[in-house]
Amino acid sequence: MFTFDKGIRLKDRPLWIDASNGVAQCCVSHGHSDHIRRHKLTYATPATASFIRRRLGDIPIQEIDFDQPFEIGPYFITFLPAGHILGSAQVYVQQENGPSLLYSGDFKLDTGRTAEPLRVRQADILIMECTFGYPKYRFPVREELEQRLCRFVEDALENGQYPLVYGYALGKAQEAMKILADRGFSLAVHGSVLHMAEVYSRHGIDFGHVTRFRKNDDHRGKVIILPPQARHQKQIRALQPSRSIFLSGWGVDPGARFRYGVDEVLPLSDHADFEGLLRYIDLVNPKTIYTTHGPKDFYLYLRSLGYDAHPLKPSGQGELF
């Protein structure tokens, strides 16, 4: 049903899923830069299309809503919400009189504030990311993580410090904006984060009143939302006294705060944790699993549980299905 080489290609059609090079036709799961390319024709959800255009300009995109099947050759393709970032999609492929395939893309089971909640379908073949595919990656419940973030901000403000909240410019930063805005905090947001937040606003996510971070403005009493690379900018380092927090699932690792050069790392992730990966498999109930973007031996763990699991690698695999 598919082959894999720098992306997933459906057999007998020039149609790819998340190809890493520019191709004729490609379904793109979401708007992060490592998943988008200049294809001759891109299929994506409306929000993902907005992110792609913001990054790459006005390229040919056919916008497809969630749960709206479209037909390409012998395949019926449906985008299902992945819960990762706004507009992120799983790609469900059904072949007439043939097996079904579900490509997870990046996904998260917990319901966040700025992404459509995950929905799955049973599929015969599952291709899944397994970023946090080691048992040590078990995240606290969502409510606890949000409370910890708000408590961090409150403590910093009470102590007369600038609370610096770092998150990736697309996805994590907007999630932090929404959590904190809904709690009534005033926000000063880095331009690169606002650039993507404007897309969120156009697609119905309300951040309330937000100001742009400018180095000469008075930001006392505000939460400053920043991308990770801003840690090294002079204007940020000049904000004293300050206290910093980085939002990442890798915060589970010992010493993560030293790795990222911050005071705290909060494991608020837009990926499924280890238990979430296993729950996801239960929901999909596949006959065969291919794993990618994570520990190379995760498939061996799945085999120990009785699954027919394989690592995704360039080998012409999938042609028998």
Protein backbone atom coordinates (compact mmCIF):
# COMPACT_ATOMS: atom_id res chain seq x y z
CA MET A 1 0.00 0.00 0.00
CA PHE A 2 2.95 2.34 0.60
CA THR A 3 6.67 2.69 0.22
CA PHE A 4 8.99 4.80 2.34
CA ASP A 5 11.92 6.89 1.17
CA LYS A 6 12.16 10.48 2.41
CA GLY A 7 8.46 10.32 3.05
CA ILE A 8 5.54 7.95 2.67
CA ARG A 9 4.34 7.34 -0.88
CA LEU A 10 1.09 5.58 -1.64
CA LYS A 11 1.68 2.75 -4.05
CA ASP A 12 0.88 3.36 -7.73
CA ARG A 13 0.19 7.07 -7.16
CA PRO A 14 2.44 10.15 -7.11
CA LEU A 15 0.97 11.05 -3.73
CA TRP A 16 3.10 11.43 -0.62
CA ILE A 17 2.53 12.08 3.07
CA ASP A 18 4.94 14.47 4.83
CA ALA A 19 7.62 14.12 2.16
CA SER A 20 10.97 15.65 3.13
CA ASN A 21 11.65 16.82 -0.45
CA GLY A 22 9.43 18.75 -2.83
CA VAL A 23 7.15 16.32 -4.71
CA ALA A 24 4.18 16.44 -7.10
CA GLN A 25 1.40 15.94 -4.53
CA CYS A 26 1.73 15.74 -0.76
CA CYS A 27 -0.54 15.55 2.27
CA VAL A 28 1.07 17.69 4.99
CA SER A 29 0.15 16.80 8.56
CA HIS A 30 0.89 20.15 10.24
CA GLY A 31 2.68 23.46 9.98
CA HIS A 32 5.99 22.87 11.77
CA SER A 33 8.95 23.67 9.53
CA ASP A 34 10.34 20.13 9.51
CA HIS A 35 7.12 18.89 7.88
CA ILE A 36 6.52 21.48 5.15
CA ARG A 37 8.15 21.81 1.73
CA ARG A 38 7.41 23.51 -1.59
CA HIS A 39 5.36 20.82 -3.28
CA LYS A 40 3.68 21.27 -6.65
CA LEU A 41 0.39 20.65 -4.84
CA THR A 42 -0.13 20.42 -1.08
CA TYR A 43 -3.19 19.00 0.68
CA ALA A 44 -3.65 20.38 4.19
CA THR A 45 -6.25 21.56 6.68
CA PRO A 46 -7.14 25.27 6.51
CA ALA A 47 -5.08 26.18 9.60
CA THR A 48 -2.07 24.21 8.36
CA ALA A 49 -2.42 25.89 4.98
CA SER A 50 -2.28 29.27 6.76
CA PHE A 51 0.93 28.32 8.57
CA ILE A 52 2.50 27.04 5.34
CA ARG A 53 1.68 30.24 3.48
CA ARG A 54 3.04 32.30 6.35
CA ARG A 55 6.32 30.39 6.16
CA LEU A 56 6.67 29.72 2.41
CA GLY A 57 4.46 32.26 0.66
CA ASP A 58 1.54 31.68 -1.68
CA ILE A 59 2.19 28.13 -2.91
CA PRO A 60 -0.51 25.81 -4.41
CA ILE A 61 -2.55 24.31 -1.56
CA GLN A 62 -5.86 22.50 -1.61
CA GLU A 63 -7.49 23.06 1.76
CA ILE A 64 -9.35 20.06 3.18
CA ASP A 65 -11.49 20.24 6.32
CA PHE A 66 -11.33 17.57 8.99
CA ASP A 67 -13.58 14.55 8.39
CA GLN A 68 -14.12 15.46 4.70
CA PRO A 69 -12.93 12.50 2.57
CA PHE A 70 -11.34 13.29 -0.78
CA GLU A 71 -10.52 10.84 -3.54
CA ILE A 72 -7.20 10.43 -5.32
CA GLY A 73 -7.05 7.43 -7.63
CA PRO A 74 -7.99 4.28 -5.72
CA TYR A 75 -7.61 6.02 -2.34
CA PHE A 76 -10.09 7.84 -0.11
CA ILE A 77 -8.19 10.16 2.22
CA THR A 78 -9.49 11.83 5.38
CA PHE A 79 -7.80 14.26 7.75
CA LEU A 80 -8.49 13.58 11.44
CA PRO A 81 -7.49 15.95 14.28
CA ALA A 82 -4.15 15.01 15.84
CA GLY A 83 -4.20 17.27 18.92
CA HIS A 84 -0.60 18.39 18.30
CA ILE A 85 -0.96 22.03 17.25
CA LEU A 86 -3.75 24.00 15.61
CA GLY A 87 -4.76 22.29 12.35
CA SER A 88 -2.56 19.24 12.89
CA ALA A 89 -3.93 16.12 11.22
CA GLN A 90 -3.62 12.40 11.14
CA VAL A 91 -3.96 11.07 7.60
CA TYR A 92 -6.43 8.19 7.19
CA VAL A 93 -6.23 6.30 3.90
CA GLN A 94 -8.78 3.76 2.76
CA GLN A 95 -8.27 1.72 -0.39
CA GLU A 96 -11.37 0.27 -2.02
CA ASN A 97 -11.43 -3.48 -1.31
CA GLY A 98 -8.08 -3.07 0.43
CA PRO A 99 -6.54 -2.31 3.80
CA SER A 100 -6.78 0.97 5.68
CA LEU A 101 -3.81 3.03 6.84
CA LEU A 102 -3.53 5.67 9.55
CA TYR A 103 -0.51 7.98 9.61
CA SER A 104 -0.40 9.64 13.03
CA GLY A 105 1.91 12.53 12.28
CA ASP A 106 2.80 14.27 15.54
CA PHE A 107 -0.05 13.78 17.99
CA LYS A 108 -1.19 14.27 21.57
CA LEU A 109 -4.03 12.59 23.48
CA ASP A 110 -4.52 15.22 26.17
CA THR A 111 -6.81 18.05 25.15
CA GLY A 112 -4.98 21.37 25.04
CA ARG A 113 -6.34 24.88 24.64
CA THR A 114 -5.15 25.70 21.12
CA ALA A 115 -5.44 22.46 19.12
CA GLU A 116 -8.43 20.42 18.00
CA PRO A 117 -8.88 17.34 20.24
CA LEU A 118 -7.50 14.09 18.87
CA ARG A 119 -9.93 11.71 17.14
CA VAL A 120 -8.91 8.33 15.79
CA ARG A 121 -10.26 5.54 13.63
CA GLN A 122 -9.48 1.86 13.56
CA ALA A 123 -6.96 1.07 10.83
CA ASP A 124 -5.22 -2.06 9.58
CA ILE A 125 -1.83 -0.35 9.28
CA LEU A 126 -0.60 2.30 11.70
CA ILE A 127 2.42 4.50 11.02
CA MET A 128 3.09 6.36 14.27
CA GLU A 129 5.57 8.77 15.73
CA CYS A 130 7.02 7.64 19.06
CA THR A 131 9.05 10.66 20.21
CA PHE A 132 8.69 9.82 23.90
CA GLY A 133 8.88 6.05 23.48
CA TYR A 134 10.76 5.30 26.69
CA PRO A 135 8.89 4.42 29.93
CA LYS A 136 10.52 7.29 31.85
CA TYR A 137 8.55 9.80 29.79
CA ARG A 138 5.32 9.97 31.78
CA PHE A 139 3.91 13.48 32.04
CA PRO A 140 1.80 14.89 34.88
CA VAL A 141 -1.88 15.44 34.13
CA ARG A 142 -2.70 18.53 32.12
CA GLU A 143 -4.41 20.40 34.96
CA GLU A 144 -1.35 20.05 37.18
CA LEU A 145 0.96 21.34 34.45
CA GLU A 146 -1.21 24.40 33.86
CA GLN A 147 -1.35 25.10 37.58
CA ARG A 148 2.43 24.81 37.87
CA LEU A 149 2.93 27.27 35.01
CA CYS A 150 0.56 29.80 36.56
CA ARG A 151 2.13 29.37 39.99
CA PHE A 152 5.59 29.97 38.48
CA VAL A 153 4.35 33.24 36.96
CA GLU A 154 2.59 34.35 40.16
CA ASP A 155 5.66 33.69 42.29
CA ALA A 156 7.94 35.61 39.91
CA LEU A 157 5.61 38.61 39.79
CA GLU A 158 5.18 38.64 43.57
CA ASN A 159 8.97 38.69 43.95
CA GLY A 160 9.34 41.60 41.52
CA GLN A 161 10.86 39.41 38.80
CA TYR A 162 10.19 39.27 35.07
CA PRO A 163 8.62 35.87 34.32
CA LEU A 164 10.20 34.62 31.09
CA VAL A 165 8.27 31.76 29.47
CA TYR A 166 10.04 29.99 26.61
CA GLY A 167 8.23 27.81 24.07
CA TYR A 168 8.62 27.00 20.39
CA ALA A 169 7.35 29.86 18.23
CA LEU A 170 4.63 27.71 16.68
CA GLY A 171 2.54 25.60 19.03
CA LYS A 172 3.98 25.64 22.51
CA ALA A 173 4.23 29.43 22.80
CA GLN A 174 0.60 29.93 21.74
CA GLU A 175 -0.51 27.25 24.19
CA ALA A 176 1.26 29.15 26.96
CA MET A 177 -0.32 32.38 25.78
CA LYS A 178 -3.79 30.87 25.95
CA ILE A 179 -3.29 29.27 29.38
CA LEU A 180 -1.99 32.48 30.89
CA ALA A 181 -4.40 34.84 29.10
CA ASP A 182 -7.34 32.78 30.31
CA ARG A 183 -6.02 33.20 33.87
CA GLY A 184 -5.99 36.97 33.48
CA PHE A 185 -2.24 37.60 33.13
CA SER A 186 -0.97 40.44 30.93
CA LEU A 187 1.31 39.25 28.15
CA ALA A 188 4.21 40.76 26.24
CA VAL A 189 4.97 38.49 23.31
CA HIS A 190 8.03 38.19 21.08
CA GLY A 191 7.43 39.13 17.44
CA SER A 192 8.17 35.65 16.05
CA VAL A 193 5.54 34.18 18.37
CA LEU A 194 2.99 36.87 17.51
CA HIS A 195 3.63 36.22 13.81
CA MET A 196 2.18 32.72 14.26
CA ALA A 197 -0.37 33.72 16.91
CA GLU A 198 -2.06 35.92 14.29
CA VAL A 199 -2.95 32.71 12.40
CA TYR A 200 -4.44 31.25 15.57
CA SER A 201 -6.54 34.38 16.01
CA ARG A 202 -7.82 34.16 12.43
CA HIS A 203 -8.89 30.59 13.12
CA GLY A 204 -10.85 31.41 16.25
CA ILE A 205 -8.36 31.28 19.15
CA ASP A 206 -8.80 34.33 21.41
CA PHE A 207 -5.74 35.49 23.35
CA GLY A 208 -7.36 38.62 24.69
CA HIS A 209 -5.26 41.80 24.84
CA VAL A 210 -1.64 41.04 23.99
CA THR A 211 1.21 43.53 23.54
CA ARG A 212 4.29 43.03 21.39
CA PHE A 213 7.56 42.77 23.30
CA ARG A 214 9.81 45.73 22.53
CA LYS A 215 13.09 46.27 24.30
CA ASN A 216 12.48 49.89 25.28
CA ASP A 217 8.96 49.39 26.65
CA ASP A 218 8.09 48.92 30.31
CA HIS A 219 7.09 45.25 30.72
CA ARG A 220 6.90 45.16 34.51
CA GLY A 221 3.94 43.12 35.71
CA LYS A 222 3.68 41.20 32.44
CA VAL A 223 4.50 37.65 31.42
CA ILE A 224 7.04 37.67 28.61
CA ILE A 225 6.49 34.88 26.03
CA LEU A 226 9.60 34.03 24.02
CA PRO A 227 11.00 31.50 21.53
CA PRO A 228 13.98 29.45 22.80
CA GLN A 229 16.57 31.29 20.69
CA ALA A 230 15.71 34.57 22.41
CA ARG A 231 17.54 33.36 25.54
CA HIS A 232 20.78 34.66 24.06
CA GLN A 233 19.56 38.10 23.00
CA LYS A 234 21.00 41.05 24.91
CA GLN A 235 17.60 42.68 25.36
CA ILE A 236 16.30 39.56 27.10
CA ARG A 237 19.36 39.06 29.26
CA ALA A 238 19.01 42.69 30.34
CA LEU A 239 15.63 41.95 31.96
CA GLN A 240 16.61 41.75 35.61
CA PRO A 241 15.67 40.41 38.01
CA SER A 242 14.03 37.59 36.08
CA ARG A 243 13.05 33.95 36.40
CA SER A 244 12.78 31.66 33.39
CA ILE A 245 10.87 28.51 32.48
CA PHE A 246 11.06 26.38 29.33
CA LEU A 247 8.11 24.26 28.16
CA SER A 248 9.15 20.84 26.86
CA GLY A 249 8.47 17.16 27.39
CA TRP A 250 12.22 16.74 27.70
CA GLY A 251 11.84 18.40 31.09
CA VAL A 252 11.44 14.88 32.49
CA ASP A 253 15.18 14.38 31.96
CA PRO A 254 17.40 15.11 34.98
CA GLY A 255 19.36 18.28 34.50
CA ALA A 256 17.06 19.60 31.75
CA ARG A 257 17.20 23.12 33.19
CA PHE A 258 20.98 23.17 32.76
CA ARG A 259 20.66 21.84 29.22
CA TYR A 260 18.31 24.68 28.28
CA GLY A 261 19.88 27.35 30.48
CA VAL A 262 16.73 28.22 32.44
CA ASP A 263 15.56 28.09 36.04
CA GLU A 264 12.86 25.48 35.43
CA VAL A 265 11.67 23.12 32.68
CA LEU A 266 7.99 22.20 32.71
CA PRO A 267 7.08 18.97 30.84
CA LEU A 268 4.19 20.57 29.00
CA SER A 269 4.37 18.77 25.67
CA ASP A 270 2.45 18.72 22.41
CA HIS A 271 3.39 15.05 21.93
CA ALA A 272 1.98 11.92 23.57
CA ASP A 273 3.98 10.52 26.48
CA PHE A 274 4.85 6.83 26.81
CA GLU A 275 1.47 5.85 28.22
CA GLY A 276 -0.24 7.97 25.60
CA LEU A 277 1.53 6.08 22.82
CA LEU A 278 0.20 2.79 24.16
CA ARG A 279 -3.32 4.17 24.62
CA TYR A 280 -3.24 5.44 21.07
CA ILE A 281 -2.39 1.99 19.74
CA ASP A 282 -5.27 0.53 21.73
CA LEU A 283 -7.64 3.04 20.16
CA VAL A 284 -6.46 2.38 16.60
CA ASN A 285 -6.28 -1.40 17.09
CA PRO A 286 -4.02 -2.00 14.06
CA LYS A 287 -2.86 -5.30 12.60
CA THR A 288 0.58 -3.89 11.78
CA ILE A 289 2.53 -0.97 13.27
CA TYR A 290 5.45 1.01 11.84
CA THR A 291 7.30 3.34 14.24
CA THR A 292 9.21 6.51 13.41
CA HIS A 293 10.65 9.69 14.98
CA GLY A 294 11.56 8.17 18.32
CA PRO A 295 13.59 5.44 20.03
CA LYS A 296 14.73 2.90 17.47
CA ASP A 297 13.91 0.02 19.81
CA PHE A 298 10.34 1.10 20.63
CA TYR A 299 9.09 -1.42 18.08
CA LEU A 300 10.81 -4.19 20.04
CA TYR A 301 8.85 -3.20 23.14
CA LEU A 302 5.65 -3.35 21.11
CA ARG A 303 6.62 -6.80 19.85
CA SER A 304 7.05 -7.92 23.46
CA LEU A 305 3.39 -6.93 23.95
CA GLY A 306 2.35 -9.07 21.02
CA TYR A 307 2.09 -6.44 18.27
CA ASP A 308 3.34 -6.95 14.73
CA ALA A 309 5.63 -3.92 14.90
CA HIS A 310 8.45 -2.72 12.65
CA PRO A 311 10.70 0.35 12.39
CA LEU A 312 9.92 2.57 9.44
CA LYS A 313 12.93 2.56 7.14
CA PRO A 314 13.64 2.81 3.41
CA SER A 315 13.18 -0.77 2.25
CA GLY A 316 10.17 -0.89 -0.02
CA GLN A 317 8.20 -2.04 2.99
CA GLY A 318 4.46 -1.94 2.92
CA GLU A 319 4.26 -3.09 -0.70
CA LEU A 320 2.71 -6.37 0.40
CA PHE A 321 -0.26 -4.59 1.95
